[in-house]
Amino acid sequence: MLLGLVSLFADMTYEGARSISGPFLAVLGASGAVVGLVSGFGEFAGYALRLVAGWITDRTRRYWTLTITGYAINLLAVPALALAGRWEAAAALLMMERMGKALRNPPRDAMLSFATHNVGAGWAFGLHEALDQTGAILGPLIVAAILHWKGGYRESFAVLLVPAMIALAVLLLAKRTYPRPQDLEPRFTPLQTAGQGRAYWALLAGAALCAAGFADFPLIAFHAEKTRLLGEVWIPVLYALAMGVDAIAALVLGRAFDRIGVRVAAVTPLFAGAAAPLAFLGDTGGVWAGTVLWGVAMGAQESVLRAAVSRLSAAEKRGTAYGVFHAVFGTAWFLGSALLGWLYDSSLMAVAALAVVLEAVSFLVLVRAKEAA
């Protein structure tokens, strides 16, 4: 619950910023390809760093040191965007924010996994995601209110310093309350010592394909504003809707995971594949509907896939398992986002078609992961 509250205020900060990062880059002179590249490379660099962070976590067991450092970088980069005068500077800060998130995610997820023994991994990660997405709803709504009251993008970034500082304060309280989170998982939990099994690697492959076909929200927002389907005030509201759907989906699918198992992971690409054609080929209603499905897919990624990693990995290798998972996932997201952004400048139909094909293959691979589990 404490880490959930940290995520609530943290998401209020960086998801508020993320809801306007695409249009902000456009205002500074970036093209569609640049937006796709920046968002994709930020995810890639961030997720790749998780591989190192996960390995360091298992080697040092310094869960709190890595988590606090990562959150500080992650959160303080956001208000600094208010000072960016060129898209290159803004892009650097956006990537720094992603890298901070990368550093803190493997140790944080490992700590969360230790606390799931009595309540179920699916429900625990789903609850964390619900709190996380509550902040992701509030952040964009705060930004929308600032824009509505004639503020600008820079004023919006500056105001987000407040939830950033609250998140860091709660994080320090959590450290003081639970200095040894690894003790929350019983010592008698069976451990695997021969490495991750086939089901883990099948899950990893399916998740990577899903990420590659999953259009990032900045590109959807860029499309909505460029085509005048939505005004700038409505784009943060659109993102808030997606985060609300994400929170509900995480709870529902997390509970389903505890009852049914890894097979629930296969629903993720179904929603992701349906989102792209609606968002990029539809009218205003299509953008809203596609964003709702996008939110369901995000909820599944953040609850079911994270819970599945917990179930399919040994406790003493949990940091590495999450690090490898996030690194591969992020690499695929980068390559997919960059390609989708490049295709966007030439053919919306190609964007939708590529997303659908990748998500269809992902579904087939994740079904295999269920059979191997």
Protein backbone atom coordinates (compact mmCIF):
# COMPACT_ATOMS: atom_id res chain seq x y z
CA MET A 1 0.00 0.00 0.00
CA LEU A 2 2.84 2.41 0.78
CA LEU A 3 4.52 1.72 -2.54
CA GLY A 4 1.12 2.07 -4.17
CA LEU A 5 0.79 5.55 -2.68
CA VAL A 6 4.28 6.40 -3.94
CA SER A 7 3.20 5.31 -7.40
CA LEU A 8 -0.01 7.31 -7.12
CA PHE A 9 1.86 10.59 -6.65
CA ALA A 10 4.69 9.58 -8.98
CA ASP A 11 2.26 8.79 -11.78
CA MET A 12 0.44 12.03 -11.11
CA THR A 13 3.78 13.66 -11.94
CA TYR A 14 5.14 11.86 -14.96
CA GLU A 15 1.88 10.69 -16.51
CA GLY A 16 0.62 14.25 -16.31
CA ALA A 17 3.73 15.21 -18.27
CA ARG A 18 3.40 12.27 -20.64
CA SER A 19 -0.13 13.29 -21.59
CA ILE A 20 1.23 16.45 -23.22
CA SER A 21 4.76 15.39 -24.19
CA GLY A 22 3.79 14.62 -27.78
CA PRO A 23 2.07 17.96 -28.43
CA PHE A 24 4.83 19.78 -26.49
CA LEU A 25 7.47 18.28 -28.76
CA ALA A 26 5.36 19.26 -31.76
CA VAL A 27 5.16 22.87 -30.51
CA LEU A 28 8.96 22.88 -30.22
CA GLY A 29 9.25 21.80 -33.86
CA ALA A 30 9.45 17.99 -33.74
CA SER A 31 7.99 15.81 -36.53
CA GLY A 32 5.89 12.65 -36.20
CA ALA A 33 8.99 10.53 -36.76
CA VAL A 34 10.81 12.42 -34.00
CA VAL A 35 7.91 11.95 -31.57
CA GLY A 36 7.85 8.22 -32.27
CA LEU A 37 11.63 7.98 -32.00
CA VAL A 38 11.85 9.98 -28.77
CA SER A 39 9.06 8.07 -27.04
CA GLY A 40 10.36 4.75 -28.33
CA PHE A 41 14.02 5.41 -27.53
CA GLY A 42 13.06 6.67 -24.08
CA GLU A 43 11.28 3.39 -23.45
CA PHE A 44 14.19 1.42 -24.95
CA ALA A 45 16.88 3.15 -22.90
CA GLY A 46 14.75 2.92 -19.79
CA TYR A 47 13.88 -0.73 -20.21
CA ALA A 48 17.42 -1.71 -21.24
CA LEU A 49 18.76 -0.14 -18.05
CA ARG A 50 16.37 -2.38 -16.09
CA LEU A 51 18.49 -5.36 -17.11
CA VAL A 52 21.45 -3.84 -15.29
CA ALA A 53 19.31 -2.63 -12.40
CA GLY A 54 17.81 -6.09 -11.93
CA TRP A 55 21.22 -7.75 -11.89
CA ILE A 56 22.55 -5.20 -9.38
CA THR A 57 19.46 -5.71 -7.24
CA ASP A 58 20.08 -9.46 -6.92
CA ARG A 59 23.80 -8.98 -6.36
CA THR A 60 23.58 -6.26 -3.71
CA ARG A 61 20.06 -6.65 -2.25
CA ARG A 62 20.06 -2.83 -1.95
CA TYR A 63 16.40 -2.58 -2.85
CA TRP A 64 15.76 0.79 -1.23
CA THR A 65 18.94 2.54 -2.42
CA LEU A 66 18.22 1.73 -6.06
CA THR A 67 14.52 2.48 -5.74
CA ILE A 68 14.98 5.90 -4.09
CA THR A 69 17.70 6.97 -6.53
CA GLY A 70 15.58 5.95 -9.49
CA TYR A 71 12.50 7.75 -8.23
CA ALA A 72 14.49 10.96 -7.63
CA ILE A 73 15.77 11.02 -11.23
CA ASN A 74 12.41 9.94 -12.61
CA LEU A 75 10.39 12.61 -10.84
CA LEU A 76 12.67 15.65 -10.85
CA ALA A 77 13.17 15.49 -14.64
CA VAL A 78 9.49 16.39 -15.13
CA PRO A 79 9.35 19.93 -13.67
CA ALA A 80 12.66 20.62 -15.42
CA LEU A 81 10.74 20.38 -18.72
CA ALA A 82 9.33 23.82 -17.91
CA LEU A 83 12.79 25.20 -18.70
CA ALA A 84 13.29 23.38 -22.03
CA GLY A 85 13.52 25.78 -24.99
CA ARG A 86 14.27 23.27 -27.78
CA TRP A 87 12.83 19.88 -28.61
CA GLU A 88 16.28 18.34 -28.19
CA ALA A 89 16.43 19.50 -24.55
CA ALA A 90 12.89 18.30 -23.90
CA ALA A 91 13.71 14.94 -25.49
CA ALA A 92 16.76 14.55 -23.25
CA LEU A 93 14.70 15.23 -20.12
CA LEU A 94 11.96 12.83 -21.23
CA MET A 95 14.56 10.11 -21.73
CA MET A 96 16.13 10.92 -18.35
CA GLU A 97 12.70 10.48 -16.75
CA ARG A 98 12.40 7.04 -18.40
CA MET A 99 15.89 6.05 -17.21
CA GLY A 100 15.07 6.97 -13.63
CA LYS A 101 11.96 4.82 -13.88
CA ALA A 102 14.10 1.99 -15.24
CA LEU A 103 16.51 2.12 -12.32
CA ARG A 104 13.80 1.85 -9.68
CA ASN A 105 11.40 -0.63 -11.29
CA PRO A 106 13.21 -4.00 -10.86
CA PRO A 107 14.00 -3.48 -7.13
CA ARG A 108 10.51 -2.06 -6.52
CA ASP A 109 8.79 -4.94 -8.30
CA ALA A 110 10.95 -7.41 -6.41
CA MET A 111 9.88 -5.81 -3.12
CA LEU A 112 6.25 -5.97 -4.21
CA SER A 113 6.59 -9.63 -5.15
CA PHE A 114 7.86 -10.45 -1.66
CA ALA A 115 4.65 -8.99 -0.20
CA THR A 116 2.25 -11.01 -2.39
CA HIS A 117 2.42 -14.31 -0.51
CA ASN A 118 -0.82 -13.92 1.47
CA VAL A 119 -2.96 -12.02 -1.06
CA GLY A 120 -1.95 -13.44 -4.45
CA ALA A 121 0.44 -12.00 -7.01
CA GLY A 122 -2.30 -11.03 -9.47
CA TRP A 123 -4.33 -9.12 -6.91
CA ALA A 124 -1.26 -7.46 -5.35
CA PHE A 125 0.09 -6.20 -8.66
CA GLY A 126 -3.42 -5.32 -9.80
CA LEU A 127 -4.00 -3.27 -6.63
CA HIS A 128 -0.66 -1.54 -7.05
CA GLU A 129 -1.52 -0.74 -10.66
CA ALA A 130 -4.94 0.61 -9.62
CA LEU A 131 -3.33 3.03 -7.16
CA ASP A 132 -0.69 3.81 -9.74
CA GLN A 133 -3.31 4.64 -12.34
CA THR A 134 -5.33 6.75 -9.92
CA GLY A 135 -2.39 9.12 -10.04
CA ALA A 136 -2.22 8.69 -13.79
CA ILE A 137 -5.83 9.91 -13.99
CA LEU A 138 -5.33 12.87 -11.67
CA GLY A 139 -2.11 14.08 -13.32
CA PRO A 140 -3.54 14.58 -16.83
CA LEU A 141 -6.69 16.13 -15.36
CA ILE A 142 -4.57 18.65 -13.46
CA VAL A 143 -2.76 19.44 -16.70
CA ALA A 144 -6.07 19.77 -18.56
CA ALA A 145 -7.33 22.20 -15.90
CA ILE A 146 -4.18 24.32 -16.20
CA LEU A 147 -4.52 24.43 -19.99
CA HIS A 148 -8.22 25.25 -19.71
CA TRP A 149 -7.45 28.18 -17.40
CA LYS A 150 -5.15 29.62 -20.06
CA GLY A 151 -1.96 28.20 -18.66
CA GLY A 152 0.59 26.62 -20.98
CA TYR A 153 2.66 23.48 -21.22
CA ARG A 154 5.49 25.03 -19.17
CA GLU A 155 3.18 26.02 -16.30
CA SER A 156 1.80 22.48 -16.32
CA PHE A 157 5.25 20.91 -15.96
CA ALA A 158 6.15 23.32 -13.14
CA VAL A 159 3.03 22.52 -11.08
CA LEU A 160 3.89 18.80 -11.24
CA LEU A 161 6.79 19.43 -8.86
CA VAL A 162 4.29 19.25 -5.95
CA PRO A 163 3.19 15.59 -6.36
CA ALA A 164 6.81 14.69 -7.14
CA MET A 165 7.94 15.87 -3.71
CA ILE A 166 5.03 14.10 -1.96
CA ALA A 167 5.96 10.83 -3.69
CA LEU A 168 9.56 11.06 -2.49
CA ALA A 169 8.41 11.79 1.08
CA VAL A 170 6.12 8.72 1.16
CA LEU A 171 8.91 6.60 -0.31
CA LEU A 172 11.22 7.53 2.56
CA LEU A 173 8.43 6.63 5.01
CA ALA A 174 8.06 3.23 3.34
CA LYS A 175 11.79 2.58 3.69
CA ARG A 176 11.69 3.46 7.36
CA THR A 177 8.67 1.19 7.95
CA TYR A 178 9.95 -1.85 6.02
CA PRO A 179 13.77 -1.70 5.93
CA ARG A 180 14.03 -5.40 4.91
CA PRO A 181 11.22 -6.11 2.43
CA GLN A 182 12.69 -9.48 1.45
CA ASP A 183 11.65 -10.80 4.87
CA LEU A 184 7.99 -10.51 3.88
CA GLU A 185 8.28 -13.66 1.72
CA PRO A 186 8.51 -16.88 3.77
CA ARG A 187 11.86 -18.59 3.69
CA PHE A 188 10.24 -21.94 2.95
CA THR A 189 9.05 -20.79 -0.48
CA PRO A 190 10.46 -23.32 -2.99
CA LEU A 191 13.32 -21.90 -5.03
CA GLN A 192 14.44 -22.78 -8.54
CA THR A 193 18.21 -22.75 -8.92
CA ALA A 194 18.63 -23.92 -12.53
CA GLY A 195 17.44 -20.71 -14.16
CA GLN A 196 14.12 -19.59 -15.58
CA GLY A 197 11.92 -22.22 -17.21
CA ARG A 198 10.42 -22.52 -20.69
CA ALA A 199 7.22 -20.81 -19.65
CA TYR A 200 9.14 -17.69 -18.58
CA TRP A 201 10.91 -17.43 -21.93
CA ALA A 202 7.68 -18.02 -23.86
CA LEU A 203 6.04 -15.28 -21.80
CA LEU A 204 8.97 -13.02 -22.57
CA ALA A 205 8.73 -13.64 -26.34
CA GLY A 206 4.98 -13.04 -26.40
CA ALA A 207 5.29 -9.87 -24.34
CA ALA A 208 8.03 -8.54 -26.66
CA LEU A 209 5.83 -9.03 -29.73
CA CYS A 210 2.96 -7.33 -27.92
CA ALA A 211 5.17 -4.36 -27.05
CA ALA A 212 6.44 -4.04 -30.62
CA GLY A 213 2.92 -3.61 -31.95
CA PHE A 214 1.71 -1.37 -29.15
CA ALA A 215 1.52 2.27 -30.28
CA ASP A 216 2.64 4.60 -27.51
CA PHE A 217 0.19 7.27 -26.36
CA PRO A 218 2.30 10.28 -27.48
CA LEU A 219 1.87 9.11 -31.09
CA ILE A 220 -1.90 8.72 -30.59
CA ALA A 221 -2.04 12.20 -29.04
CA PHE A 222 0.10 13.61 -31.85
CA HIS A 223 -2.31 12.09 -34.39
CA ALA A 224 -5.40 13.43 -32.59
CA GLU A 225 -4.04 16.98 -32.50
CA LYS A 226 -2.52 16.97 -35.99
CA THR A 227 -5.78 15.81 -37.59
CA ARG A 228 -7.81 18.20 -35.39
CA LEU A 229 -9.90 15.30 -34.08
CA LEU A 230 -9.35 16.66 -30.55
CA GLY A 231 -8.35 20.04 -29.16
CA GLU A 232 -5.32 20.35 -26.89
CA VAL A 233 -7.47 20.56 -23.74
CA TRP A 234 -9.14 17.23 -24.51
CA ILE A 235 -5.94 15.25 -25.06
CA PRO A 236 -5.03 15.07 -21.32
CA VAL A 237 -8.65 14.08 -20.63
CA LEU A 238 -8.31 11.31 -23.22
CA TYR A 239 -5.21 10.07 -21.42
CA ALA A 240 -6.96 10.26 -18.06
CA LEU A 241 -9.73 8.05 -19.46
CA ALA A 242 -7.14 5.52 -20.61
CA MET A 243 -5.57 5.47 -17.16
CA GLY A 244 -8.96 4.96 -15.50
CA VAL A 245 -9.68 2.01 -17.76
CA ASP A 246 -6.16 0.75 -17.05
CA ALA A 247 -6.82 0.78 -13.28
CA ILE A 248 -10.10 -1.13 -13.53
CA ALA A 249 -8.67 -3.65 -16.00
CA ALA A 250 -5.65 -4.25 -13.74
CA LEU A 251 -7.87 -5.16 -10.77
CA VAL A 252 -10.20 -7.38 -12.79
CA LEU A 253 -7.48 -9.16 -14.74
CA GLY A 254 -5.24 -9.42 -11.67
CA ARG A 255 -7.97 -11.25 -9.78
CA ALA A 256 -8.57 -13.45 -12.83
CA PHE A 257 -4.84 -14.29 -12.88
CA ASP A 258 -4.97 -15.62 -9.31
CA ARG A 259 -7.95 -17.80 -10.19
CA ILE A 260 -7.10 -18.95 -13.71
CA GLY A 261 -3.34 -18.55 -14.04
CA VAL A 262 -0.91 -17.50 -16.76
CA ARG A 263 -3.44 -18.06 -19.57
CA VAL A 264 -4.95 -14.64 -18.74
CA ALA A 265 -1.82 -13.05 -20.24
CA ALA A 266 -3.03 -14.00 -23.73
CA VAL A 267 -5.81 -11.38 -23.62
CA THR A 268 -3.27 -8.53 -23.66
CA PRO A 269 -2.50 -8.52 -27.41
CA LEU A 270 -6.19 -8.92 -28.28
CA PHE A 271 -7.00 -5.51 -26.83
CA ALA A 272 -3.76 -3.94 -28.08
CA GLY A 273 -4.40 -5.18 -31.62
CA ALA A 274 -7.92 -3.79 -31.69
CA ALA A 275 -6.85 -0.37 -30.41
CA ALA A 276 -4.59 0.73 -33.29
CA PRO A 277 -7.09 0.60 -36.21
CA LEU A 278 -9.66 2.53 -34.18
CA ALA A 279 -7.18 5.17 -32.97
CA PHE A 280 -5.42 5.81 -36.29
CA LEU A 281 -8.08 5.06 -38.91
CA GLY A 282 -11.26 6.16 -37.13
CA ASP A 283 -12.93 9.49 -36.52
CA THR A 284 -13.14 11.25 -33.16
CA GLY A 285 -15.21 8.39 -31.74
CA GLY A 286 -12.62 5.94 -33.00
CA VAL A 287 -9.86 7.77 -31.13
CA TRP A 288 -11.85 7.57 -27.89
CA ALA A 289 -12.76 3.89 -28.41
CA GLY A 290 -9.22 2.96 -29.42
CA THR A 291 -7.84 4.70 -26.36
CA VAL A 292 -10.20 2.72 -24.10
CA LEU A 293 -8.90 -0.55 -25.56
CA TRP A 294 -5.36 0.82 -25.27
CA GLY A 295 -6.04 1.35 -21.56
CA VAL A 296 -7.23 -2.25 -21.09
CA ALA A 297 -4.06 -3.53 -22.76
CA MET A 298 -1.94 -1.32 -20.49
CA GLY A 299 -3.74 -2.65 -17.42
CA ALA A 300 -3.04 -6.22 -18.53
CA GLN A 301 0.63 -5.47 -19.16
CA GLU A 302 1.14 -3.87 -15.75
CA SER A 303 -0.75 -6.44 -13.69
CA VAL A 304 -0.96 -9.83 -15.39
CA LEU A 305 2.45 -9.83 -17.07
CA ARG A 306 4.24 -8.60 -13.94
CA ALA A 307 2.41 -11.18 -11.81
CA ALA A 308 3.33 -13.91 -14.29
CA VAL A 309 7.02 -13.03 -13.97
CA SER A 310 6.67 -13.40 -10.20
CA ARG A 311 5.09 -16.83 -10.56
CA LEU A 312 7.57 -18.09 -13.15
CA SER A 313 10.82 -16.98 -11.45
CA ALA A 314 12.74 -17.94 -8.32
CA ALA A 315 12.74 -15.56 -5.35
CA GLU A 316 16.51 -15.15 -5.26
CA LYS A 317 16.52 -14.28 -8.98
CA ARG A 318 13.47 -12.07 -8.95
CA GLY A 319 15.33 -8.82 -9.65
CA THR A 320 17.11 -10.33 -12.65
CA ALA A 321 13.88 -11.89 -13.91
CA TYR A 322 12.15 -8.50 -13.86
CA GLY A 323 15.23 -6.78 -15.28
CA VAL A 324 15.47 -9.17 -18.25
CA PHE A 325 11.72 -9.02 -18.83
CA HIS A 326 11.60 -5.22 -18.85
CA ALA A 327 14.77 -4.90 -20.95
CA VAL A 328 13.45 -7.16 -23.70
CA PHE A 329 9.98 -5.61 -23.46
CA GLY A 330 11.42 -2.11 -23.76
CA THR A 331 13.72 -2.96 -26.66
CA ALA A 332 10.75 -4.32 -28.56
CA TRP A 333 8.71 -1.23 -27.63
CA PHE A 334 11.48 1.05 -28.92
CA LEU A 335 11.81 -0.75 -32.25
CA GLY A 336 8.05 -0.92 -32.68
CA SER A 337 7.45 2.71 -31.69
CA ALA A 338 10.21 3.97 -33.97
CA LEU A 339 8.84 1.96 -36.89
CA LEU A 340 5.24 2.98 -36.23
CA GLY A 341 6.29 6.64 -35.99
CA TRP A 342 8.19 6.36 -39.28
CA LEU A 343 5.22 4.67 -40.97
CA TYR A 344 2.88 7.32 -39.60
CA ASP A 345 4.41 10.00 -41.82
CA SER A 346 3.63 7.94 -44.92
CA SER A 347 0.65 5.62 -44.27
CA LEU A 348 -1.85 5.35 -41.44
CA MET A 349 -3.06 2.06 -42.91
CA ALA A 350 0.45 0.62 -42.59
CA VAL A 351 0.56 1.66 -38.92
CA ALA A 352 -2.69 -0.14 -38.16
CA ALA A 353 -1.79 -3.23 -40.22
CA LEU A 354 1.61 -3.71 -38.60
CA ALA A 355 0.12 -3.37 -35.11
CA VAL A 356 -2.58 -5.95 -35.83
CA VAL A 357 -0.13 -8.49 -37.29
CA LEU A 358 2.33 -8.23 -34.40
CA GLU A 359 -0.41 -8.53 -31.79
CA ALA A 360 -1.88 -11.58 -33.54
CA VAL A 361 1.50 -13.36 -33.42
CA SER A 362 1.91 -12.28 -29.79
CA PHE A 363 -1.42 -13.92 -28.92
CA LEU A 364 -0.30 -17.24 -30.41
CA VAL A 365 3.01 -17.16 -28.51
CA LEU A 366 1.36 -16.29 -25.18
CA VAL A 367 -1.03 -19.21 -25.64
CA ARG A 368 2.08 -21.39 -25.85
CA ALA A 369 3.38 -19.81 -22.65
CA LYS A 370 0.18 -20.90 -20.92
CA GLU A 371 0.70 -24.48 -22.09
CA ALA A 372 4.31 -24.51 -20.85
CA ALA A 373 3.47 -23.10 -17.41
